[in-house]
Amino acid sequence: MDDEHTTVATLRRMMADFVAQREWEPFHDPKNLAASIAIEAAELMEHFQWLRSDQLEGVQKDPKALGEIREELADITAYVLSFANAMGIDLSSALADKMAKNDKKYPVERFRGRFD
């Protein structure tokens, strides 16, 4: 599987099948999944805690660190997909709608190269 050839629907089905095979649906309610997303995001943040911006390239070049970061990102993604399944949210349309809002909120001509 790779990003170029895998659909969001395929990923959602993969997660739904994984959860169903283990009969975890009772535990995968929106509250628990939202908490799991936050917990895994915090674990991702730990890899960058106390680093300066000039140290980030070193993290990207460290195979062990990158492997651990990759796993945390996969955990977050798995819980996001399960959350979307539990809530019946179409991720592609949700992202497209949010980006349309962001496009209006942060017009290119005003925010290019700026964050404020």
C-alpha atoms as a PDB file:
ATOM      1  CA  MET A   1       0.000   0.000   0.000  1.00  0.00           C
ATOM      2  CA  ASP A   2       1.121   3.573  -0.657  1.00  0.00           C
ATOM      3  CA  ASP A   3      -0.498   7.001  -0.678  1.00  0.00           C
ATOM      4  CA  GLU A   4      -0.560   7.180  -4.470  1.00  0.00           C
ATOM      5  CA  HIS A   5      -2.689   4.061  -4.862  1.00  0.00           C
ATOM      6  CA  THR A   6      -4.690   3.671  -1.642  1.00  0.00           C
ATOM      7  CA  THR A   7      -8.054   5.327  -1.138  1.00  0.00           C
ATOM      8  CA  VAL A   8      -9.402   6.665   2.128  1.00  0.00           C
ATOM      9  CA  ALA A   9     -12.251   4.174   1.730  1.00  0.00           C
ATOM     10  CA  THR A  10      -9.736   1.314   1.622  1.00  0.00           C
ATOM     11  CA  LEU A  11      -8.086   2.546   4.809  1.00  0.00           C
ATOM     12  CA  ARG A  12     -11.452   2.938   6.529  1.00  0.00           C
ATOM     13  CA  ARG A  13     -12.452  -0.601   5.573  1.00  0.00           C
ATOM     14  CA  MET A  14      -9.098  -1.920   6.815  1.00  0.00           C
ATOM     15  CA  MET A  15      -9.706  -0.302  10.209  1.00  0.00           C
ATOM     16  CA  ALA A  16     -13.359  -1.371  10.347  1.00  0.00           C
ATOM     17  CA  ASP A  17     -12.365  -4.972   9.587  1.00  0.00           C
ATOM     18  CA  PHE A  18      -9.591  -4.910  12.197  1.00  0.00           C
ATOM     19  CA  VAL A  19     -11.982  -3.599  14.851  1.00  0.00           C
ATOM     20  CA  ALA A  20     -14.807  -5.992  13.862  1.00  0.00           C
ATOM     21  CA  GLN A  21     -12.563  -9.072  13.907  1.00  0.00           C
ATOM     22  CA  ARG A  22     -11.677  -8.293  17.512  1.00  0.00           C
ATOM     23  CA  GLU A  23     -15.243  -7.287  18.448  1.00  0.00           C
ATOM     24  CA  TRP A  24     -13.967  -3.936  19.697  1.00  0.00           C
ATOM     25  CA  GLU A  25     -16.942  -1.887  18.468  1.00  0.00           C
ATOM     26  CA  PRO A  26     -18.314  -1.399  22.024  1.00  0.00           C
ATOM     27  CA  PHE A  27     -15.003   0.198  23.033  1.00  0.00           C
ATOM     28  CA  HIS A  28     -14.603   2.283  19.878  1.00  0.00           C
ATOM     29  CA  ASP A  29     -17.158   4.920  20.739  1.00  0.00           C
ATOM     30  CA  PRO A  30     -16.514   8.556  19.748  1.00  0.00           C
ATOM     31  CA  LYS A  31     -15.412   9.594  23.252  1.00  0.00           C
ATOM     32  CA  ASN A  32     -12.838   6.825  23.581  1.00  0.00           C
ATOM     33  CA  LEU A  33     -11.584   7.343  20.044  1.00  0.00           C
ATOM     34  CA  ALA A  34     -11.256  11.115  20.525  1.00  0.00           C
ATOM     35  CA  ALA A  35      -9.252  10.480  23.700  1.00  0.00           C
ATOM     36  CA  SER A  36      -7.088   7.957  21.855  1.00  0.00           C
ATOM     37  CA  ILE A  37      -6.362  10.479  19.094  1.00  0.00           C
ATOM     38  CA  ALA A  38      -5.249  13.027  21.695  1.00  0.00           C
ATOM     39  CA  ILE A  39      -3.121  10.474  23.565  1.00  0.00           C
ATOM     40  CA  GLU A  40      -1.365   9.324  20.410  1.00  0.00           C
ATOM     41  CA  ALA A  41      -0.841  12.938  19.294  1.00  0.00           C
ATOM     42  CA  ALA A  42       0.840  13.608  22.645  1.00  0.00           C
ATOM     43  CA  GLU A  43       3.081  10.583  22.091  1.00  0.00           C
ATOM     44  CA  LEU A  44       4.052  12.034  18.705  1.00  0.00           C
ATOM     45  CA  MET A  45       4.829  15.367  20.347  1.00  0.00           C
ATOM     46  CA  GLU A  46       7.197  13.658  22.792  1.00  0.00           C
ATOM     47  CA  HIS A  47       9.614  12.994  19.931  1.00  0.00           C
ATOM     48  CA  PHE A  48      10.013  16.739  19.437  1.00  0.00           C
ATOM     49  CA  GLN A  49       9.830  17.945  23.033  1.00  0.00           C
ATOM     50  CA  TRP A  50      12.694  20.276  23.874  1.00  0.00           C
ATOM     51  CA  LEU A  51      14.142  20.214  20.364  1.00  0.00           C
ATOM     52  CA  ARG A  52      15.101  23.442  18.654  1.00  0.00           C
ATOM     53  CA  SER A  53      14.057  23.997  15.062  1.00  0.00           C
ATOM     54  CA  ASP A  54      17.656  23.578  13.930  1.00  0.00           C
ATOM     55  CA  GLN A  55      17.663  20.040  15.376  1.00  0.00           C
ATOM     56  CA  LEU A  56      14.689  18.783  13.359  1.00  0.00           C
ATOM     57  CA  GLU A  57      16.723  17.746  10.343  1.00  0.00           C
ATOM     58  CA  GLY A  58      18.667  15.370  12.565  1.00  0.00           C
ATOM     59  CA  VAL A  59      15.439  13.686  13.644  1.00  0.00           C
ATOM     60  CA  GLN A  60      14.398  13.260  10.023  1.00  0.00           C
ATOM     61  CA  LYS A  61      17.724  11.618   9.199  1.00  0.00           C
ATOM     62  CA  ASP A  62      17.697   9.254  12.208  1.00  0.00           C
ATOM     63  CA  PRO A  63      16.144   5.939  11.054  1.00  0.00           C
ATOM     64  CA  LYS A  64      15.228   4.857  14.601  1.00  0.00           C
ATOM     65  CA  ALA A  65      13.554   8.164  15.459  1.00  0.00           C
ATOM     66  CA  LEU A  66      11.801   8.318  12.093  1.00  0.00           C
ATOM     67  CA  GLY A  67      10.523   4.756  12.558  1.00  0.00           C
ATOM     68  CA  GLU A  68       9.070   5.636  15.963  1.00  0.00           C
ATOM     69  CA  ILE A  69       7.493   8.817  14.593  1.00  0.00           C
ATOM     70  CA  ARG A  70       6.058   6.851  11.670  1.00  0.00           C
ATOM     71  CA  GLU A  71       4.410   4.435  14.128  1.00  0.00           C
ATOM     72  CA  GLU A  72       2.902   7.273  16.187  1.00  0.00           C
ATOM     73  CA  LEU A  73       1.517   8.861  13.017  1.00  0.00           C
ATOM     74  CA  ALA A  74       0.052   5.493  12.006  1.00  0.00           C
ATOM     75  CA  ASP A  75      -1.582   5.181  15.448  1.00  0.00           C
ATOM     76  CA  ILE A  76      -3.133   8.638  15.074  1.00  0.00           C
ATOM     77  CA  THR A  77      -4.335   7.833  11.573  1.00  0.00           C
ATOM     78  CA  ALA A  78      -5.840   4.520  12.703  1.00  0.00           C
ATOM     79  CA  TYR A  79      -7.819   6.253  15.433  1.00  0.00           C
ATOM     80  CA  VAL A  80      -8.896   9.066  13.089  1.00  0.00           C
ATOM     81  CA  LEU A  81     -10.184   6.498  10.600  1.00  0.00           C
ATOM     82  CA  SER A  82     -11.992   4.605  13.369  1.00  0.00           C
ATOM     83  CA  PHE A  83     -13.470   7.870  14.650  1.00  0.00           C
ATOM     84  CA  ALA A  84     -14.750   8.694  11.165  1.00  0.00           C
ATOM     85  CA  ASN A  85     -16.269   5.217  10.965  1.00  0.00           C
ATOM     86  CA  ALA A  86     -17.924   5.556  14.374  1.00  0.00           C
ATOM     87  CA  MET A  87     -19.336   9.006  13.569  1.00  0.00           C
ATOM     88  CA  GLY A  88     -20.221   8.341   9.926  1.00  0.00           C
ATOM     89  CA  ILE A  89     -18.070  11.258   8.767  1.00  0.00           C
ATOM     90  CA  ASP A  90     -16.778  11.306   5.201  1.00  0.00           C
ATOM     91  CA  LEU A  91     -13.172  12.399   5.710  1.00  0.00           C
ATOM     92  CA  SER A  92     -12.580  13.569   2.151  1.00  0.00           C
ATOM     93  CA  SER A  93     -15.573  15.899   2.115  1.00  0.00           C
ATOM     94  CA  ALA A  94     -14.857  17.067   5.681  1.00  0.00           C
ATOM     95  CA  LEU A  95     -11.319  18.025   4.693  1.00  0.00           C
ATOM     96  CA  ALA A  96     -12.440  19.657   1.450  1.00  0.00           C
ATOM     97  CA  ASP A  97     -15.065  21.711   3.318  1.00  0.00           C
ATOM     98  CA  LYS A  98     -12.537  22.755   5.973  1.00  0.00           C
ATOM     99  CA  MET A  99      -9.946  23.750   3.374  1.00  0.00           C
ATOM    100  CA  ALA A 100     -12.563  25.870   1.581  1.00  0.00           C
ATOM    101  CA  LYS A 101     -13.243  27.653   4.897  1.00  0.00           C
ATOM    102  CA  ASN A 102      -9.515  28.068   5.511  1.00  0.00           C
ATOM    103  CA  ASP A 103      -9.054  29.474   2.012  1.00  0.00           C
ATOM    104  CA  LYS A 104     -11.525  32.253   2.853  1.00  0.00           C
ATOM    105  CA  LYS A 105     -10.149  32.774   6.361  1.00  0.00           C
ATOM    106  CA  TYR A 106      -6.517  32.895   5.200  1.00  0.00           C
ATOM    107  CA  PRO A 107      -6.451  34.442   1.711  1.00  0.00           C
ATOM    108  CA  VAL A 108      -3.167  33.847  -0.090  1.00  0.00           C
ATOM    109  CA  GLU A 109      -2.570  37.495  -0.848  1.00  0.00           C
ATOM    110  CA  ARG A 110      -2.723  38.359   2.866  1.00  0.00           C
ATOM    111  CA  PHE A 111      -1.069  35.308   4.424  1.00  0.00           C
ATOM    112  CA  ARG A 112       1.644  34.181   1.982  1.00  0.00           C
ATOM    113  CA  GLY A 113       4.775  33.680   4.061  1.00  0.00           C
ATOM    114  CA  ARG A 114       3.000  34.801   7.259  1.00  0.00           C
ATOM    115  CA  PHE A 115       1.268  32.967  10.078  1.00  0.00           C
ATOM    116  CA  ASP A 116      -0.454  35.931  11.791  1.00  0.00           C
END
